[in-house]
PDB file of all heavy atoms in Angstrom:
ATOM      1  N   GLU A   1       7.799   8.365  -7.809  1.00  0.00           N
ATOM      2  CA  GLU A   1       8.312   7.936  -9.109  1.00  0.00           C
ATOM      3  C   GLU A   1       7.548   8.582 -10.254  1.00  0.00           C
ATOM      4  O   GLU A   1       8.127   8.886 -11.295  1.00  0.00           O
ATOM      5  CB  GLU A   1       8.255   6.415  -9.214  1.00  0.00           C
ATOM      6  CG  GLU A   1       9.283   5.731  -8.327  1.00  0.00           C
ATOM      7  CD  GLU A   1       9.034   4.245  -8.128  1.00  0.00           C
ATOM      8  OE1 GLU A   1       8.038   3.714  -8.670  1.00  0.00           O
ATOM      9  OE2 GLU A   1       9.835   3.614  -7.424  1.00  0.00           O
ATOM     10  N   GLU A   2       6.251   8.820 -10.076  1.00  0.00           N
ATOM     11  CA  GLU A   2       5.457   9.499 -11.102  1.00  0.00           C
ATOM     12  C   GLU A   2       5.956  10.914 -11.353  1.00  0.00           C
ATOM     13  O   GLU A   2       5.735  11.469 -12.427  1.00  0.00           O
ATOM     14  CB  GLU A   2       3.987   9.545 -10.683  1.00  0.00           C
ATOM     15  CG  GLU A   2       3.275   8.219 -10.772  1.00  0.00           C
ATOM     16  CD  GLU A   2       1.877   8.271 -10.193  1.00  0.00           C
ATOM     17  OE1 GLU A   2       1.415   9.361  -9.780  1.00  0.00           O
ATOM     18  OE2 GLU A   2       1.242   7.203 -10.136  1.00  0.00           O
ATOM     19  N   GLN A   3       6.633  11.490 -10.367  1.00  0.00           N
ATOM     20  CA  GLN A   3       7.174  12.838 -10.483  1.00  0.00           C
ATOM     21  C   GLN A   3       8.689  12.799 -10.707  1.00  0.00           C
ATOM     22  O   GLN A   3       9.387  13.769 -10.414  1.00  0.00           O
ATOM     23  CB  GLN A   3       6.859  13.628  -9.214  1.00  0.00           C
ATOM     24  CG  GLN A   3       5.384  13.744  -8.932  1.00  0.00           C
ATOM     25  CD  GLN A   3       5.118  14.379  -7.578  1.00  0.00           C
ATOM     26  OE1 GLN A   3       5.869  15.231  -7.108  1.00  0.00           O
ATOM     27  NE2 GLN A   3       4.040  13.971  -6.947  1.00  0.00           N
ATOM     28  N   SER A   4       9.190  11.652 -11.181  1.00  0.00           N
ATOM     29  CA  SER A   4      10.623  11.433 -11.400  1.00  0.00           C
ATOM     30  C   SER A   4      11.410  11.573 -10.110  1.00  0.00           C
ATOM     31  O   SER A   4      12.566  12.005 -10.121  1.00  0.00           O
ATOM     32  CB  SER A   4      11.168  12.395 -12.465  1.00  0.00           C
ATOM     33  OG  SER A   4      10.499  12.179 -13.680  1.00  0.00           O
ATOM     34  N   GLY A   5      10.805  11.206  -9.015  1.00  0.00           N
ATOM     35  CA  GLY A   5      11.457  11.254  -7.713  1.00  0.00           C
ATOM     36  C   GLY A   5      11.715   9.858  -7.184  1.00  0.00           C
ATOM     37  O   GLY A   5      11.552   8.870  -7.900  1.00  0.00           O
ATOM     38  N   SER A   6      12.145   9.796  -5.928  1.00  0.00           N
ATOM     39  CA  SER A   6      12.439   8.492  -5.340  1.00  0.00           C
ATOM     40  C   SER A   6      12.210   8.498  -3.832  1.00  0.00           C
ATOM     41  O   SER A   6      12.297   9.528  -3.175  1.00  0.00           O
ATOM     42  CB  SER A   6      13.877   8.082  -5.642  1.00  0.00           C
ATOM     43  OG  SER A   6      14.776   8.990  -5.032  1.00  0.00           O
ATOM     44  N   LEU A   7      11.937   7.318  -3.325  1.00  0.00           N
ATOM     45  CA  LEU A   7      11.770   7.089  -1.893  1.00  0.00           C
ATOM     46  C   LEU A   7      12.849   6.115  -1.470  1.00  0.00           C
ATOM     47  O   LEU A   7      13.106   5.126  -2.154  1.00  0.00           O
ATOM     48  CB  LEU A   7      10.390   6.480  -1.602  1.00  0.00           C
ATOM     49  CG  LEU A   7      10.117   6.096  -0.152  1.00  0.00           C
ATOM     50  CD1 LEU A   7       9.965   7.346   0.715  1.00  0.00           C
ATOM     51  CD2 LEU A   7       8.862   5.240  -0.054  1.00  0.00           C
ATOM     52  N   ARG A   8      13.492   6.406  -0.359  1.00  0.00           N
ATOM     53  CA  ARG A   8      14.442   5.458   0.194  1.00  0.00           C
ATOM     54  C   ARG A   8      14.090   5.216   1.652  1.00  0.00           C
ATOM     55  O   ARG A   8      13.596   6.112   2.337  1.00  0.00           O
ATOM     56  CB  ARG A   8      15.883   5.900   0.027  1.00  0.00           C
ATOM     57  CG  ARG A   8      16.307   7.066   0.847  1.00  0.00           C
ATOM     58  CD  ARG A   8      17.756   7.461   0.521  1.00  0.00           C
ATOM     59  NE  ARG A   8      18.173   8.545   1.372  1.00  0.00           N
ATOM     60  CZ  ARG A   8      18.928   8.387   2.454  1.00  0.00           C
ATOM     61  NH1 ARG A   8      19.365   7.191   2.783  1.00  0.00           N
ATOM     62  NH2 ARG A   8      19.256   9.422   3.198  1.00  0.00           N
ATOM     63  N   VAL A   9      14.312   4.017   2.085  1.00  0.00           N
ATOM     64  CA  VAL A   9      14.033   3.629   3.460  1.00  0.00           C
ATOM     65  C   VAL A   9      15.342   3.578   4.210  1.00  0.00           C
ATOM     66  O   VAL A   9      16.326   3.014   3.720  1.00  0.00           O
ATOM     67  CB  VAL A   9      13.323   2.261   3.516  1.00  0.00           C
ATOM     68  CG1 VAL A   9      13.222   1.754   4.930  1.00  0.00           C
ATOM     69  CG2 VAL A   9      11.940   2.355   2.893  1.00  0.00           C
ATOM     70  N   ILE A  10      15.363   4.173   5.401  1.00  0.00           N
ATOM     71  CA  ILE A  10      16.574   4.125   6.211  1.00  0.00           C
ATOM     72  C   ILE A  10      16.295   3.453   7.552  1.00  0.00           C
ATOM     73  O   ILE A  10      15.222   3.598   8.130  1.00  0.00           O
ATOM     74  CB  ILE A  10      17.191   5.529   6.421  1.00  0.00           C
ATOM     75  CG1 ILE A  10      16.191   6.520   7.001  1.00  0.00           C
ATOM     76  CG2 ILE A  10      17.728   6.074   5.111  1.00  0.00           C
ATOM     77  CD1 ILE A  10      16.783   7.878   7.333  1.00  0.00           C
ATOM     78  N   ASP A  11      17.253   2.683   7.970  1.00  0.00           N
ATOM     79  CA  ASP A  11      17.269   2.024   9.271  1.00  0.00           C
ATOM     80  C   ASP A  11      16.023   1.220   9.622  1.00  0.00           C
ATOM     81  O   ASP A  11      15.478   1.342  10.728  1.00  0.00           O
ATOM     82  CB  ASP A  11      17.538   3.056  10.377  1.00  0.00           C
ATOM     83  CG  ASP A  11      18.884   3.729  10.236  1.00  0.00           C
ATOM     84  OD1 ASP A  11      19.800   3.093   9.690  1.00  0.00           O
ATOM     85  OD2 ASP A  11      19.023   4.880  10.665  1.00  0.00           O
ATOM     86  N   PRO A  12      15.550   0.342   8.735  1.00  0.00           N
ATOM     87  CA  PRO A  12      14.388  -0.466   9.108  1.00  0.00           C
ATOM     88  C   PRO A  12      14.765  -1.458  10.210  1.00  0.00           C
ATOM     89  O   PRO A  12      15.881  -1.978  10.224  1.00  0.00           O
ATOM     90  CB  PRO A  12      14.035  -1.200   7.817  1.00  0.00           C
ATOM     91  CG  PRO A  12      15.323  -1.273   7.067  1.00  0.00           C
ATOM     92  CD  PRO A  12      16.062  -0.012   7.412  1.00  0.00           C
ATOM     93  N   THR A  13      13.848  -1.695  11.123  1.00  0.00           N
ATOM     94  CA  THR A  13      14.072  -2.702  12.151  1.00  0.00           C
ATOM     95  C   THR A  13      14.052  -4.079  11.486  1.00  0.00           C
ATOM     96  O   THR A  13      13.617  -4.221  10.342  1.00  0.00           O
ATOM     97  CB  THR A  13      12.975  -2.632  13.226  1.00  0.00           C
ATOM     98  OG1 THR A  13      11.706  -2.810  12.594  1.00  0.00           O
ATOM     99  CG2 THR A  13      13.015  -1.309  13.985  1.00  0.00           C
ATOM    100  N   ASP A  14      14.508  -5.094  12.196  1.00  0.00           N
ATOM    101  CA  ASP A  14      14.553  -6.443  11.618  1.00  0.00           C
ATOM    102  C   ASP A  14      13.190  -6.926  11.128  1.00  0.00           C
ATOM    103  O   ASP A  14      13.098  -7.444  10.011  1.00  0.00           O
ATOM    104  CB  ASP A  14      15.148  -7.442  12.613  1.00  0.00           C
ATOM    105  CG  ASP A  14      16.651  -7.254  12.786  1.00  0.00           C
ATOM    106  OD1 ASP A  14      17.292  -6.646  11.904  1.00  0.00           O
ATOM    107  OD2 ASP A  14      17.182  -7.717  13.810  1.00  0.00           O
ATOM    108  N   PRO A  15      12.105  -6.771  11.918  1.00  0.00           N
ATOM    109  CA  PRO A  15      10.805  -7.235  11.406  1.00  0.00           C
ATOM    110  C   PRO A  15      10.367  -6.498  10.142  1.00  0.00           C
ATOM    111  O   PRO A  15       9.808  -7.095   9.223  1.00  0.00           O
ATOM    112  CB  PRO A  15       9.829  -6.960  12.553  1.00  0.00           C
ATOM    113  CG  PRO A  15      10.661  -6.768  13.764  1.00  0.00           C
ATOM    114  CD  PRO A  15      11.999  -6.296  13.295  1.00  0.00           C
ATOM    115  N   VAL A  16      10.644  -5.210  10.081  1.00  0.00           N
ATOM    116  CA  VAL A  16      10.263  -4.409   8.911  1.00  0.00           C
ATOM    117  C   VAL A  16      11.130  -4.787   7.720  1.00  0.00           C
ATOM    118  O   VAL A  16      10.633  -4.939   6.604  1.00  0.00           O
ATOM    119  CB  VAL A  16      10.362  -2.904   9.227  1.00  0.00           C
ATOM    120  CG1 VAL A  16      10.184  -2.066   7.981  1.00  0.00           C
ATOM    121  CG2 VAL A  16       9.329  -2.525  10.279  1.00  0.00           C
ATOM    122  N   ARG A  17      12.418  -4.971   7.948  1.00  0.00           N
ATOM    123  CA  ARG A  17      13.324  -5.368   6.859  1.00  0.00           C
ATOM    124  C   ARG A  17      12.868  -6.703   6.262  1.00  0.00           C
ATOM    125  O   ARG A  17      12.872  -6.883   5.048  1.00  0.00           O
ATOM    126  CB  ARG A  17      14.757  -5.486   7.360  1.00  0.00           C
ATOM    127  CG  ARG A  17      15.744  -5.776   6.249  1.00  0.00           C
ATOM    128  CD  ARG A  17      17.196  -5.866   6.699  1.00  0.00           C
ATOM    129  NE  ARG A  17      17.609  -4.716   7.478  1.00  0.00           N
ATOM    130  CZ  ARG A  17      17.919  -4.769   8.786  1.00  0.00           C
ATOM    131  NH1 ARG A  17      17.850  -5.904   9.446  1.00  0.00           N
ATOM    132  NH2 ARG A  17      18.304  -3.683   9.417  1.00  0.00           N
ATOM    133  N   LEU A  18      12.445  -7.627   7.115  1.00  0.00           N
ATOM    134  CA  LEU A  18      11.979  -8.926   6.634  1.00  0.00           C
ATOM    135  C   LEU A  18      10.756  -8.771   5.729  1.00  0.00           C
ATOM    136  O   LEU A  18      10.694  -9.363   4.653  1.00  0.00           O
ATOM    137  CB  LEU A  18      11.649  -9.834   7.821  1.00  0.00           C
ATOM    138  CG  LEU A  18      11.115 -11.219   7.479  1.00  0.00           C
ATOM    139  CD1 LEU A  18      12.145 -12.018   6.687  1.00  0.00           C
ATOM    140  CD2 LEU A  18      10.717 -11.951   8.745  1.00  0.00           C
ATOM    141  N   VAL A  19       9.801  -7.944   6.139  1.00  0.00           N
ATOM    142  CA  VAL A  19       8.599  -7.713   5.327  1.00  0.00           C
ATOM    143  C   VAL A  19       8.977  -7.065   3.997  1.00  0.00           C
ATOM    144  O   VAL A  19       8.481  -7.467   2.943  1.00  0.00           O
ATOM    145  CB  VAL A  19       7.570  -6.841   6.089  1.00  0.00           C
ATOM    146  CG1 VAL A  19       6.424  -6.424   5.192  1.00  0.00           C
ATOM    147  CG2 VAL A  19       7.046  -7.589   7.310  1.00  0.00           C
ATOM    148  N   LEU A  20       9.857  -6.080   4.036  1.00  0.00           N
ATOM    149  CA  LEU A  20      10.286  -5.413   2.803  1.00  0.00           C
ATOM    150  C   LEU A  20      11.004  -6.384   1.873  1.00  0.00           C
ATOM    151  O   LEU A  20      10.781  -6.377   0.656  1.00  0.00           O
ATOM    152  CB  LEU A  20      11.186  -4.218   3.126  1.00  0.00           C
ATOM    153  CG  LEU A  20      10.525  -3.031   3.813  1.00  0.00           C
ATOM    154  CD1 LEU A  20      11.582  -2.032   4.271  1.00  0.00           C
ATOM    155  CD2 LEU A  20       9.507  -2.373   2.914  1.00  0.00           C
ATOM    156  N   ASP A  21      11.866  -7.232   2.445  1.00  0.00           N
ATOM    157  CA  ASP A  21      12.601  -8.206   1.632  1.00  0.00           C
ATOM    158  C   ASP A  21      11.662  -9.237   1.014  1.00  0.00           C
ATOM    159  O   ASP A  21      11.756  -9.528  -0.180  1.00  0.00           O
ATOM    160  CB  ASP A  21      13.654  -8.929   2.473  1.00  0.00           C
ATOM    161  CG  ASP A  21      14.854  -8.058   2.802  1.00  0.00           C
ATOM    162  OD1 ASP A  21      15.041  -7.008   2.152  1.00  0.00           O
ATOM    163  OD2 ASP A  21      15.610  -8.424   3.725  1.00  0.00           O
ATOM    164  N   LEU A  22      10.766  -9.800   1.820  1.00  0.00           N
ATOM    165  CA  LEU A  22       9.866 -10.840   1.327  1.00  0.00           C
ATOM    166  C   LEU A  22       8.906 -10.321   0.261  1.00  0.00           C
ATOM    167  O   LEU A  22       8.520 -11.060  -0.645  1.00  0.00           O
ATOM    168  CB  LEU A  22       9.075 -11.458   2.486  1.00  0.00           C
ATOM    169  CG  LEU A  22       9.885 -12.318   3.454  1.00  0.00           C
ATOM    170  CD1 LEU A  22       9.024 -12.746   4.622  1.00  0.00           C
ATOM    171  CD2 LEU A  22      10.488 -13.519   2.744  1.00  0.00           C
ATOM    172  N   SER A  23       8.548  -9.049   0.366  1.00  0.00           N
ATOM    173  CA  SER A  23       7.619  -8.474  -0.606  1.00  0.00           C
ATOM    174  C   SER A  23       8.307  -8.079  -1.907  1.00  0.00           C
ATOM    175  O   SER A  23       7.651  -7.841  -2.914  1.00  0.00           O
ATOM    176  CB  SER A  23       6.953  -7.227  -0.017  1.00  0.00           C
ATOM    177  OG  SER A  23       7.901  -6.172   0.090  1.00  0.00           O
ATOM    178  N   GLY A  24       9.636  -7.965  -1.886  1.00  0.00           N
ATOM    179  CA  GLY A  24      10.375  -7.509  -3.052  1.00  0.00           C
ATOM    180  C   GLY A  24      10.496  -5.991  -3.112  1.00  0.00           C
ATOM    181  O   GLY A  24      11.149  -5.448  -3.997  1.00  0.00           O
ATOM    182  N   LEU A  25       9.876  -5.308  -2.167  1.00  0.00           N
ATOM    183  CA  LEU A  25       9.899  -3.849  -2.175  1.00  0.00           C
ATOM    184  C   LEU A  25      11.270  -3.292  -1.793  1.00  0.00           C
ATOM    185  O   LEU A  25      11.641  -2.209  -2.250  1.00  0.00           O
ATOM    186  CB  LEU A  25       8.818  -3.297  -1.232  1.00  0.00           C
ATOM    187  CG  LEU A  25       8.525  -1.811  -1.288  1.00  0.00           C
ATOM    188  CD1 LEU A  25       8.173  -1.371  -2.712  1.00  0.00           C
ATOM    189  CD2 LEU A  25       7.391  -1.458  -0.336  1.00  0.00           C
ATOM    190  N   ALA A  26      12.038  -4.038  -1.022  1.00  0.00           N
ATOM    191  CA  ALA A  26      13.362  -3.563  -0.606  1.00  0.00           C
ATOM    192  C   ALA A  26      14.253  -3.272  -1.820  1.00  0.00           C
ATOM    193  O   ALA A  26      15.009  -2.304  -1.821  1.00  0.00           O
ATOM    194  CB  ALA A  26      14.025  -4.577   0.308  1.00  0.00           C
ATOM    195  N   GLU A  27      14.157  -4.097  -2.853  1.00  0.00           N
ATOM    196  CA  GLU A  27      14.965  -3.888  -4.053  1.00  0.00           C
ATOM    197  C   GLU A  27      14.578  -2.604  -4.777  1.00  0.00           C
ATOM    198  O   GLU A  27      15.410  -1.950  -5.388  1.00  0.00           O
ATOM    199  CB  GLU A  27      14.819  -5.077  -4.992  1.00  0.00           C
ATOM    200  CG  GLU A  27      15.443  -6.338  -4.453  1.00  0.00           C
ATOM    201  CD  GLU A  27      15.262  -7.511  -5.387  1.00  0.00           C
ATOM    202  OE1 GLU A  27      15.084  -7.289  -6.599  1.00  0.00           O
ATOM    203  OE2 GLU A  27      15.303  -8.646  -4.901  1.00  0.00           O
ATOM    204  N   ARG A  28      13.312  -2.256  -4.716  1.00  0.00           N
ATOM    205  CA  ARG A  28      12.816  -1.057  -5.394  1.00  0.00           C
ATOM    206  C   ARG A  28      13.231   0.221  -4.654  1.00  0.00           C
ATOM    207  O   ARG A  28      13.429   1.268  -5.276  1.00  0.00           O
ATOM    208  CB  ARG A  28      11.293  -1.123  -5.457  1.00  0.00           C
ATOM    209  CG  ARG A  28      10.655   0.035  -6.168  1.00  0.00           C
ATOM    210  CD  ARG A  28       9.182  -0.241  -6.320  1.00  0.00           C
ATOM    211  NE  ARG A  28       8.476   0.949  -6.690  1.00  0.00           N
ATOM    212  CZ  ARG A  28       7.206   1.138  -6.438  1.00  0.00           C
ATOM    213  NH1 ARG A  28       6.508   0.219  -5.819  1.00  0.00           N
ATOM    214  NH2 ARG A  28       6.612   2.244  -6.809  1.00  0.00           N
ATOM    215  N   LEU A  29      13.345   0.136  -3.355  1.00  0.00           N
ATOM    216  CA  LEU A  29      13.697   1.295  -2.537  1.00  0.00           C
ATOM    217  C   LEU A  29      15.217   1.319  -2.363  1.00  0.00           C
ATOM    218  O   LEU A  29      15.753   0.733  -1.444  1.00  0.00           O
ATOM    219  CB  LEU A  29      12.985   1.218  -1.172  1.00  0.00           C
ATOM    220  CG  LEU A  29      11.484   1.089  -1.247  1.00  0.00           C
ATOM    221  CD1 LEU A  29      10.913   0.828   0.131  1.00  0.00           C
ATOM    222  CD2 LEU A  29      10.857   2.321  -1.868  1.00  0.00           C
TER     223      LEU A  29
END
């Protein structure tokens, strides 16, 4: 993001998706 770029996450497993969702990071990615 500092370089005007972006990161996207693809195909997270259920445990990883849960961590991303609970942290709020899923919305950012």
